[in-house]
Protein backbone atom coordinates (compact mmCIF):
# COMPACT_ATOMS: atom_id res chain seq x y z
CA UNK A 1 -8.35 30.31 -13.80
CA UNK A 2 -11.55 28.87 -15.27
CA UNK A 3 -9.80 28.28 -18.59
CA UNK A 4 -6.99 26.38 -16.81
CA UNK A 5 -9.44 24.20 -14.87
CA UNK A 6 -11.49 23.56 -17.98
CA UNK A 7 -8.45 22.58 -20.05
CA UNK A 8 -7.15 20.17 -17.41
CA UNK A 9 -10.51 18.88 -16.18
CA UNK A 10 -9.67 15.22 -16.88
CA UNK A 11 -6.30 15.31 -15.09
CA UNK A 12 -7.65 17.33 -12.15
CA UNK A 13 -10.62 14.97 -11.90
CA UNK A 14 -8.34 11.93 -11.81
CA UNK A 15 -6.12 13.49 -9.14
CA UNK A 16 -9.15 14.41 -7.03
CA UNK A 17 -10.61 10.92 -7.40
CA UNK A 18 -7.26 9.33 -6.53
CA UNK A 19 -7.48 11.00 -3.11
CA UNK A 20 -10.26 8.52 -2.30
CA UNK A 21 -8.07 5.47 -2.91
CA UNK A 22 -4.48 6.27 -1.94
CA UNK A 23 -3.11 5.00 1.43
CA UNK A 24 -2.76 8.32 3.25
CA UNK A 25 -1.28 6.68 6.35
CA UNK A 26 1.69 5.44 4.31
CA UNK A 27 3.04 8.68 2.83
CA UNK A 28 6.69 8.65 1.83
CA UNK A 29 9.25 11.15 3.22
CA UNK A 30 9.16 14.58 1.53
CA UNK A 31 5.60 13.82 0.46
CA UNK A 32 4.67 17.39 -0.51
CA UNK A 33 7.83 17.86 -2.60
CA UNK A 34 7.36 14.51 -4.31
CA UNK A 35 3.71 15.33 -5.00
CA UNK A 36 4.41 18.78 -6.37
CA UNK A 37 7.26 17.71 -8.66
CA UNK A 38 5.45 14.56 -9.79
CA UNK A 39 2.24 16.45 -10.57
CA UNK A 40 4.12 19.16 -12.50
CA UNK A 41 5.94 16.53 -14.54
CA UNK A 42 2.70 14.66 -15.21
CA UNK A 43 0.96 17.83 -16.44
CA UNK A 44 3.90 18.68 -18.69
CA UNK A 45 3.98 15.22 -20.27
CA UNK A 46 0.20 15.27 -20.69
CA UNK A 47 0.44 18.57 -22.51
CA UNK A 48 3.14 17.14 -24.77
CA UNK A 49 0.97 14.10 -25.58
CA UNK A 50 -1.98 16.34 -26.35
CA UNK A 51 -0.04 18.47 -28.82
CA UNK A 52 1.98 15.67 -30.45
CA UNK A 53 -0.60 12.89 -30.45
CA UNK A 54 -1.86 13.63 -33.96
CA UNK A 55 1.66 13.38 -35.39
CA UNK A 56 2.32 10.03 -33.70
CA UNK A 57 -0.98 8.48 -34.72
CA UNK A 58 -2.99 9.85 -37.63
CA UNK A 59 -6.46 9.55 -36.14
CA UNK A 60 -8.96 12.19 -34.91
CA UNK A 61 -8.97 10.63 -31.44
CA UNK A 62 -5.20 10.12 -31.27
CA UNK A 63 -4.46 13.04 -28.95
CA UNK A 64 -7.33 12.07 -26.66
CA UNK A 65 -6.41 8.36 -26.51
CA UNK A 66 -2.72 9.01 -25.94
CA UNK A 67 -3.61 11.53 -23.28
CA UNK A 68 -5.84 9.07 -21.42
CA UNK A 69 -3.25 6.29 -21.63
CA UNK A 70 -0.43 8.54 -20.52
CA UNK A 71 -2.50 10.04 -17.72
CA UNK A 72 -3.28 6.57 -16.38
CA UNK A 73 0.41 5.51 -16.46
CA UNK A 74 1.55 8.80 -14.92
CA UNK A 75 -1.03 8.53 -12.15
CA UNK A 76 0.22 5.04 -11.27
CA UNK A 77 3.81 6.33 -11.09
CA UNK A 78 2.77 9.41 -9.12
CA UNK A 79 0.95 7.31 -6.50
CA UNK A 80 3.87 4.91 -6.22
CA UNK A 81 6.29 7.87 -5.93
CA UNK A 82 4.34 9.54 -3.11
CA UNK A 83 3.10 6.55 -1.10
CA UNK A 84 4.82 3.52 0.39
CA UNK A 85 2.71 0.91 -1.37
CA UNK A 86 3.13 -1.88 -3.88
CA UNK A 87 2.89 -1.27 -7.61
CA UNK A 88 -0.29 -3.39 -7.59
CA UNK A 89 -1.79 -1.06 -4.99
CA UNK A 90 -0.84 1.94 -7.16
CA UNK A 91 -2.50 0.35 -10.21
CA UNK A 92 -5.58 -0.37 -8.11
CA UNK A 93 -5.77 3.25 -6.89
CA UNK A 94 -5.26 4.65 -10.40
CA UNK A 95 -7.89 2.33 -11.92
CA UNK A 96 -10.43 3.27 -9.25
CA UNK A 97 -9.63 6.97 -9.73
CA UNK A 98 -9.96 6.53 -13.50
CA UNK A 99 -13.38 4.87 -13.01
CA UNK A 100 -14.63 7.62 -10.69
CA UNK A 101 -13.42 10.38 -13.01
CA UNK A 102 -15.16 8.70 -15.94
CA UNK A 103 -18.39 8.36 -13.96
CA UNK A 104 -18.38 11.98 -12.78
CA UNK A 105 -17.52 13.32 -16.24
CA UNK A 106 -20.30 11.38 -17.94
CA UNK A 107 -22.79 12.29 -15.22
CA UNK A 108 -21.90 15.98 -15.46
CA UNK A 109 -22.24 16.14 -19.24
CA UNK A 110 -25.51 14.23 -19.11
CA UNK A 111 -26.82 16.83 -16.68
CA UNK A 112 -25.66 19.70 -18.85
CA UNK A 113 -27.16 18.37 -22.07
CA UNK A 114 -30.46 17.80 -20.30
CA UNK A 115 -30.41 21.36 -18.96
CA UNK A 116 -29.03 23.14 -22.04
CA UNK A 117 -30.23 20.78 -24.75
CA UNK A 118 -27.04 21.26 -26.76
CA UNK A 119 -23.28 20.58 -26.59
CA UNK A 120 -22.11 24.19 -26.93
CA UNK A 121 -21.52 24.54 -23.21
CA UNK A 122 -19.90 27.32 -21.24
CA UNK A 123 -16.78 26.39 -19.25
CA UNK A 124 -18.26 27.78 -16.04
CA UNK A 125 -21.37 25.62 -16.20
CA UNK A 126 -19.32 22.55 -17.04
CA UNK A 127 -16.98 23.08 -14.07
CA UNK A 128 -19.93 23.66 -11.73
CA UNK A 129 -21.64 20.51 -12.94
CA UNK A 130 -18.37 18.54 -12.63
CA UNK A 131 -17.96 19.72 -9.03
CA UNK A 132 -21.52 18.64 -8.23
CA UNK A 133 -21.02 15.28 -9.94
CA UNK A 134 -17.82 14.69 -7.95
CA UNK A 135 -19.74 15.25 -4.72
CA UNK A 136 -22.61 12.99 -5.80
CA UNK A 137 -20.25 10.17 -6.76
CA UNK A 138 -17.27 10.64 -4.42
CA UNK A 139 -19.07 11.02 -1.08
CA UNK A 140 -21.09 7.75 -1.32
CA UNK A 141 -18.00 5.86 -2.49
CA UNK A 142 -16.02 7.19 0.46
CA UNK A 143 -18.72 6.35 2.99
CA UNK A 144 -19.56 2.93 1.58
CA UNK A 145 -16.14 1.64 0.54
CA UNK A 146 -12.92 3.55 1.03
CA UNK A 147 -13.48 4.62 4.64
CA UNK A 148 -13.80 0.95 5.61
CA UNK A 149 -11.00 -0.42 3.44
CA UNK A 150 -8.32 2.21 4.01
CA UNK A 151 -8.28 2.49 7.80
CA UNK A 152 -5.25 0.20 7.87
CA UNK A 153 -3.41 1.89 5.02
CA UNK A 154 -2.57 -1.38 3.29
CA UNK A 155 -4.68 -3.54 0.99
CA UNK A 156 -4.44 -7.20 0.11
CA UNK A 157 -5.62 -8.45 -3.26
CA UNK A 158 -7.16 -11.78 -4.12
CA UNK A 159 -5.87 -11.67 -7.69
CA UNK A 160 -3.30 -9.21 -9.04
CA UNK A 161 -4.42 -10.06 -12.56
CA UNK A 162 -7.89 -8.74 -11.72
CA UNK A 163 -6.40 -5.34 -10.91
CA UNK A 164 -4.52 -5.19 -14.22
CA UNK A 165 -7.39 -6.53 -16.32
CA UNK A 166 -9.82 -4.08 -14.76
CA UNK A 167 -7.60 -1.18 -15.80
CA UNK A 168 -7.30 -2.51 -19.35
CA UNK A 169 -11.04 -3.09 -19.69
CA UNK A 170 -11.81 0.36 -18.35
CA UNK A 171 -9.40 2.05 -20.74
CA UNK A 172 -10.85 0.09 -23.67
CA UNK A 173 -14.37 1.09 -22.63
CA UNK A 174 -13.39 4.77 -22.43
CA UNK A 175 -11.82 4.63 -25.88
CA UNK A 176 -14.79 2.84 -27.47
CA UNK A 177 -17.34 5.14 -25.85
CA UNK A 178 -15.39 8.17 -27.10
CA UNK A 179 -15.28 6.70 -30.59
CA UNK A 180 -19.03 6.06 -30.57
CA UNK A 181 -19.78 9.50 -29.18
CA UNK A 182 -17.78 11.15 -31.96
CA UNK A 183 -19.88 9.31 -34.56
CA UNK A 184 -23.26 10.22 -33.16
CA UNK A 185 -25.30 12.42 -35.53
CA UNK A 186 -26.15 15.59 -33.61
CA UNK A 187 -28.84 16.44 -36.17
CA UNK A 188 -30.67 13.13 -35.66
CA UNK A 189 -33.93 13.15 -33.66
CA UNK A 190 -32.59 10.20 -31.69
CA UNK A 191 -29.36 12.00 -30.79
CA UNK A 192 -30.35 12.91 -27.24
CA UNK A 193 -31.56 9.40 -26.44
CA UNK A 194 -28.47 7.82 -27.97
CA UNK A 195 -26.14 10.20 -26.13
CA UNK A 196 -27.79 9.62 -22.75
CA UNK A 197 -27.93 5.84 -23.25
CA UNK A 198 -24.24 5.68 -24.20
CA UNK A 199 -23.16 7.74 -21.21
CA UNK A 200 -25.42 5.80 -18.84
CA UNK A 201 -23.80 2.58 -20.04
CA UNK A 202 -20.33 4.11 -19.46
CA UNK A 203 -21.30 5.02 -15.89
CA UNK A 204 -22.62 1.52 -15.22
CA UNK A 205 -19.49 -0.09 -16.68
CA UNK A 206 -17.17 2.12 -14.62
CA UNK A 207 -19.25 1.33 -11.52
CA UNK A 208 -18.96 -2.39 -12.28
CA UNK A 209 -15.16 -2.09 -12.57
CA UNK A 210 -15.05 -0.21 -9.27
CA UNK A 211 -17.18 -2.86 -7.57
CA UNK A 212 -15.01 -5.66 -8.98
CA UNK A 213 -11.87 -3.97 -7.67
CA UNK A 214 -13.26 -3.69 -4.15
CA UNK A 215 -14.64 -7.23 -4.24
CA UNK A 216 -11.12 -8.34 -5.08
CA UNK A 217 -9.94 -6.66 -1.86
CA UNK A 218 -12.74 -7.82 0.42
CA UNK A 219 -12.28 -11.49 -0.46
CA UNK A 220 -8.59 -11.32 0.35
CA UNK A 221 -9.22 -9.44 3.61
CA UNK A 222 -11.61 -12.17 4.72
CA UNK A 223 -9.18 -14.87 3.68
CA UNK A 224 -6.32 -13.14 5.49
CA UNK A 225 -8.44 -12.66 8.62
CA UNK A 226 -9.44 -16.33 8.65
CA UNK A 227 -5.78 -17.33 8.31
CA UNK A 228 -4.86 -15.19 11.30
CA UNK A 229 -7.71 -16.63 13.39
CA UNK A 230 -6.68 -20.18 12.46
CA UNK A 231 -3.09 -19.40 13.46
CA UNK A 232 -4.28 -17.92 16.76
CA UNK A 233 -6.35 -21.03 17.46
CA UNK A 234 -3.39 -23.27 16.65
CA UNK A 235 -1.19 -21.23 19.01
CA UNK A 236 -3.84 -21.54 21.73
CA UNK A 237 -4.01 -25.30 21.13
CA UNK A 238 -0.25 -25.61 21.58
CA UNK A 239 -0.37 -23.40 24.66
CA UNK A 240 -3.13 -25.54 26.13
CA UNK A 241 -1.10 -28.72 25.55
CA UNK A 242 1.88 -27.12 27.32
CA UNK A 243 -0.34 -25.93 30.18
CA UNK A 244 -1.87 -29.42 30.50
CA UNK A 245 1.55 -31.04 30.66
CA UNK A 246 2.72 -28.50 33.21
CA UNK A 247 -0.39 -29.08 35.31
CA UNK A 248 0.20 -32.83 35.23
CA UNK A 249 3.71 -32.27 36.55
CA UNK A 250 2.30 -30.01 39.27
CA UNK A 251 -0.28 -32.65 40.23
CA UNK A 252 2.45 -35.26 40.51
CA UNK A 253 4.41 -32.90 42.70
CA UNK A 254 1.29 -32.17 44.77
CA UNK A 255 0.66 -35.85 45.44
CA UNK A 256 4.32 -36.34 46.36
CA UNK A 257 4.02 -33.52 48.88
CA UNK A 258 0.87 -35.11 50.31
CA UNK A 259 2.80 -38.33 50.83
CA UNK A 260 5.62 -36.41 52.50
CA UNK A 261 3.11 -34.54 54.62
CA UNK A 262 1.63 -37.76 55.99
CA UNK A 263 5.08 -38.91 57.16
CA UNK A 264 6.56 -35.54 58.10
CA UNK A 265 7.07 -34.38 61.68
CA UNK A 266 4.95 -31.52 62.98
CA UNK A 267 7.66 -28.89 62.44
CA UNK A 268 7.82 -29.75 58.69
CA UNK A 269 4.09 -29.84 58.04
CA UNK A 270 3.61 -26.06 58.06
CA UNK A 271 6.16 -25.66 55.24
CA UNK A 272 4.63 -28.52 53.23
CA UNK A 273 1.12 -27.10 53.66
CA UNK A 274 2.30 -23.75 52.34
CA UNK A 275 3.94 -25.36 49.30
CA UNK A 276 0.88 -27.53 48.56
CA UNK A 277 -1.40 -24.51 48.78
CA UNK A 278 0.75 -22.64 46.25
CA UNK A 279 0.71 -25.35 43.58
CA UNK A 280 -2.60 -27.13 44.05
CA UNK A 281 -5.32 -27.06 41.40
CA UNK A 282 -7.66 -24.32 42.55
CA UNK A 283 -10.74 -25.15 40.49
CA UNK A 284 -12.75 -28.34 40.03
CA UNK A 285 -15.47 -27.42 37.58
CA UNK A 286 -16.13 -30.78 35.96
CA UNK A 287 -14.14 -29.78 32.89
CA UNK A 288 -10.39 -30.33 32.75
CA UNK A 289 -9.74 -27.50 30.28
CA UNK A 290 -11.63 -25.05 32.49
CA UNK A 291 -9.79 -26.26 35.61
CA UNK A 292 -6.41 -25.63 33.97
CA UNK A 293 -7.44 -22.28 32.44
CA UNK A 294 -9.00 -20.83 35.59
CA UNK A 295 -6.11 -21.98 37.77
CA UNK A 296 -3.67 -20.36 35.35
CA UNK A 297 -5.63 -17.12 34.94
CA UNK A 298 -6.42 -16.73 38.64
CA UNK A 299 -2.70 -16.65 39.38
CA UNK A 300 -2.16 -13.94 36.76
CA UNK A 301 -5.14 -12.00 38.13
CA UNK A 302 -3.66 -12.10 41.64
CA UNK A 303 -0.40 -10.71 40.35
CA UNK A 304 -2.32 -7.86 38.65
CA UNK A 305 -4.43 -7.12 41.73
CA UNK A 306 -7.61 -8.43 40.07
CA UNK A 307 -10.17 -10.71 41.72
CA UNK A 308 -11.49 -13.53 39.56
CA UNK A 309 -14.90 -14.58 40.90
CA UNK A 310 -16.24 -17.78 39.36
CA UNK A 311 -19.48 -19.71 39.45
CA UNK A 312 -18.86 -22.40 36.89
CA UNK A 313 -20.49 -25.66 35.84
CA UNK A 314 -17.93 -27.02 33.43
CA UNK A 315 -19.99 -30.08 32.54
CA UNK A 316 -22.24 -28.06 30.21
CA UNK A 317 -19.20 -27.44 27.98
CA UNK A 318 -18.25 -31.13 27.82
CA UNK A 319 -19.19 -31.25 24.13
CA UNK A 320 -16.57 -28.65 23.20
CA UNK A 321 -13.00 -29.47 22.24
CA UNK A 322 -10.71 -28.63 25.16
CA UNK A 323 -8.45 -26.23 23.32
CA UNK A 324 -11.50 -24.37 21.95
CA UNK A 325 -12.64 -23.78 25.54
CA UNK A 326 -9.13 -22.74 26.51
CA UNK A 327 -8.87 -20.32 23.58
CA UNK A 328 -12.36 -18.78 23.80
CA UNK A 329 -12.42 -18.16 27.57
CA UNK A 330 -8.71 -17.34 27.66
CA UNK A 331 -9.20 -14.52 25.15
CA UNK A 332 -12.25 -13.28 27.08
CA UNK A 333 -10.39 -13.16 30.40
CA UNK A 334 -7.32 -11.57 28.78
CA UNK A 335 -9.51 -8.80 27.32
CA UNK A 336 -11.09 -8.17 30.73
CA UNK A 337 -7.67 -8.09 32.44
CA UNK A 338 -6.39 -5.63 29.84
CA UNK A 339 -9.39 -3.39 30.46
CA UNK A 340 -9.00 -3.53 34.28
CA UNK A 341 -5.28 -2.78 34.03
CA UNK A 342 -6.28 0.88 33.45
CA UNK A 343 -8.44 0.95 36.61
CA UNK A 344 -6.89 2.24 39.84
CA UNK A 345 -9.72 1.54 42.31
CA UNK A 346 -9.08 -1.99 43.72
CA UNK A 347 -12.79 -2.43 44.49
CA UNK A 348 -13.57 -2.24 40.78
CA UNK A 349 -10.85 -4.65 39.64
CA UNK A 350 -13.15 -7.69 39.56
CA UNK A 351 -13.93 -10.23 36.84
CA UNK A 352 -17.19 -12.09 37.44
CA UNK A 353 -17.48 -15.29 35.41
CA UNK A 354 -20.47 -17.62 35.42
CA UNK A 355 -21.10 -20.70 33.29
CA UNK A 356 -24.35 -22.60 33.64
CA UNK A 357 -26.83 -24.74 31.75
CA UNK A 358 -30.23 -23.31 30.85
CA UNK A 359 -32.47 -25.82 29.12
CA UNK A 360 -30.29 -27.15 26.29
CA UNK A 361 -27.99 -24.11 26.20
CA UNK A 362 -24.62 -23.51 27.82
CA UNK A 363 -24.61 -19.87 28.92
CA UNK A 364 -21.31 -18.10 29.57
CA UNK A 365 -21.54 -14.65 31.15
CA UNK A 366 -18.55 -12.54 32.08
CA UNK A 367 -18.75 -9.04 33.56
CA UNK A 368 -16.14 -6.46 34.44
CA UNK A 369 -15.94 -2.74 35.11
CA UNK A 370 -14.95 -0.61 32.13
CA UNK A 371 -13.55 2.92 32.50
CA UNK A 372 -14.49 3.81 28.91
CA UNK A 373 -17.52 3.02 26.82
CA UNK A 374 -16.51 0.35 24.28
CA UNK A 375 -16.94 1.08 20.57
CA UNK A 376 -19.35 -1.27 18.82
CA UNK A 377 -20.31 -1.67 15.17
CA UNK A 378 -23.08 -3.98 13.96
CA UNK A 379 -23.11 -5.74 17.32
CA UNK A 380 -19.35 -6.40 17.32
CA UNK A 381 -16.59 -4.77 19.33
CA UNK A 382 -14.24 -2.47 17.42
CA UNK A 383 -10.70 -1.99 18.66
CA UNK A 384 -9.76 1.59 19.54
CA UNK A 385 -6.02 0.94 19.39
CA UNK A 386 -4.05 2.96 16.80
CA UNK A 387 -2.74 -0.17 15.09
CA UNK A 388 -6.15 -1.63 14.28
CA UNK A 389 -4.66 -4.13 11.82
CA UNK A 390 -2.81 -5.95 14.61
CA UNK A 391 -5.55 -5.92 17.24
CA UNK A 392 -9.17 -6.93 17.72
CA UNK A 393 -8.64 -10.57 16.78
CA UNK A 394 -9.33 -11.82 20.31
CA UNK A 395 -13.02 -10.90 20.11
CA UNK A 396 -13.19 -12.23 16.55
CA UNK A 397 -11.72 -15.52 17.74
CA UNK A 398 -14.34 -15.78 20.52
CA UNK A 399 -17.11 -15.25 17.99
CA UNK A 400 -15.56 -17.68 15.50
CA UNK A 401 -15.36 -20.50 18.07
CA UNK A 402 -18.89 -19.87 19.35
CA UNK A 403 -20.29 -19.94 15.81
CA UNK A 404 -18.37 -23.16 15.13
CA UNK A 405 -20.67 -24.83 17.68
CA UNK A 406 -23.82 -23.05 16.50
CA UNK A 407 -23.63 -20.43 19.25
CA UNK A 408 -23.84 -16.65 19.45
CA UNK A 409 -21.85 -13.87 21.09
CA UNK A 410 -23.41 -10.67 22.44
CA UNK A 411 -22.04 -7.65 24.24
CA UNK A 412 -23.90 -5.41 26.66
CA UNK A 413 -23.10 -2.31 28.65
CA UNK A 414 -25.08 -1.75 31.86
CA UNK A 415 -23.89 1.46 33.43
CA UNK A 416 -20.14 1.01 33.83
CA UNK A 417 -20.31 -2.79 33.68
CA UNK A 418 -19.33 -4.52 30.46
CA UNK A 419 -20.92 -7.90 29.85
CA UNK A 420 -19.91 -10.65 27.44
CA UNK A 421 -22.65 -13.23 26.85
CA UNK A 422 -21.96 -16.44 24.92
CA UNK A 423 -24.67 -19.02 24.34
CA UNK A 424 -23.87 -22.43 22.85
CA UNK A 425 -26.32 -25.28 22.24
CA UNK A 426 -25.18 -28.22 24.33
CA UNK A 427 -26.44 -30.71 21.75
CA UNK A 428 -24.74 -28.77 18.95
CA UNK A 429 -21.49 -28.68 20.88
CA UNK A 430 -21.61 -32.42 21.45
CA UNK A 431 -22.37 -33.11 17.78
CA UNK A 432 -19.58 -30.80 16.63
CA UNK A 433 -17.14 -32.46 19.01
CA UNK A 434 -18.13 -35.93 17.73
CA UNK A 435 -17.51 -34.84 14.13
CA UNK A 436 -14.12 -33.41 15.12
CA UNK A 437 -13.13 -36.68 16.78
CA UNK A 438 -14.46 -38.78 13.88
């Protein structure tokens, strides 16, 4: 068993490292069968390259180079065969796995030569050191990078060329380092220093490739998230315009009913009063956007059995663009309504909203009962829904709009009461609104 593991240490290391980067949530049907057959085929072709490499290319490193190249290609195909992902994603996973395997191998052999002082190693000690190196390298990479990036099971890349070039550069570095290592003079007094320096450089280069690959992902994730938030804001702007037009029609109808009421006989006035009460604007906060939003949301709250309690001075938000107000507070109320939809006790189905001016700050505070403790990370709410990729943008949109006006968003939990606190400088809001108009 030890002989088998020792002979196939590179391939096994690459497969183990690939487990850190493949999209496990997107496994193809018959995953185990695909994996078993694909792995067996990859090992067989690797063995063939190892034995025939010298005949194809008359060079001492020919078998090794062909083996590395073939292993990289086979790993890409194996990942693509077993997981429902793009070919770019498969190349990314294979390159990252290649980098991690290279780092762990170099680290392990550096440790062994420091301990033994020679290259005549025993297979058992090498395998033990490789296992330790995999833990030392793999666990931090998982905690710092892959756990965060692979929750959604799908990656977006800023540049596909970066993924391909990274793989090419890494392969070239592996080949050149192997060539240099073969030409080191083991009898030289400087051998140990040269060997350690070369391997340290290889580890740093592989780490740089790995970092570049993940930077390529993070930039695209941020870009994609900003695009979604911009689209959400545009949808909210259009919805606000529709709501404003609808409210204008309702106001016209309300004034018509008032005229009819003044001329109607007593027996008709009761019916007209009832109709006017149903359509009248319920809130007069000093801010048209707030009046429309609160009137709209209060009706939805009534239908859901939720009480919307408001103490609002809309004038302190006069510097904000109307559809920004509509979007920010609309998302906040929608989140609270969604939370209270799981509550059965009618006494707890209450949303308490207050907006006031404190010094030069507009302070928005909204509280509601929560049946479950919300999950927070770095001061931000984290969605607990299974499809995390499609949710959680409401809170991000609230924060994005607040920061647009130089404000902040904070969340608190006091007992079973969840509190959203938004503070926006009134002067900053006015200045931002002026720039938007200009």
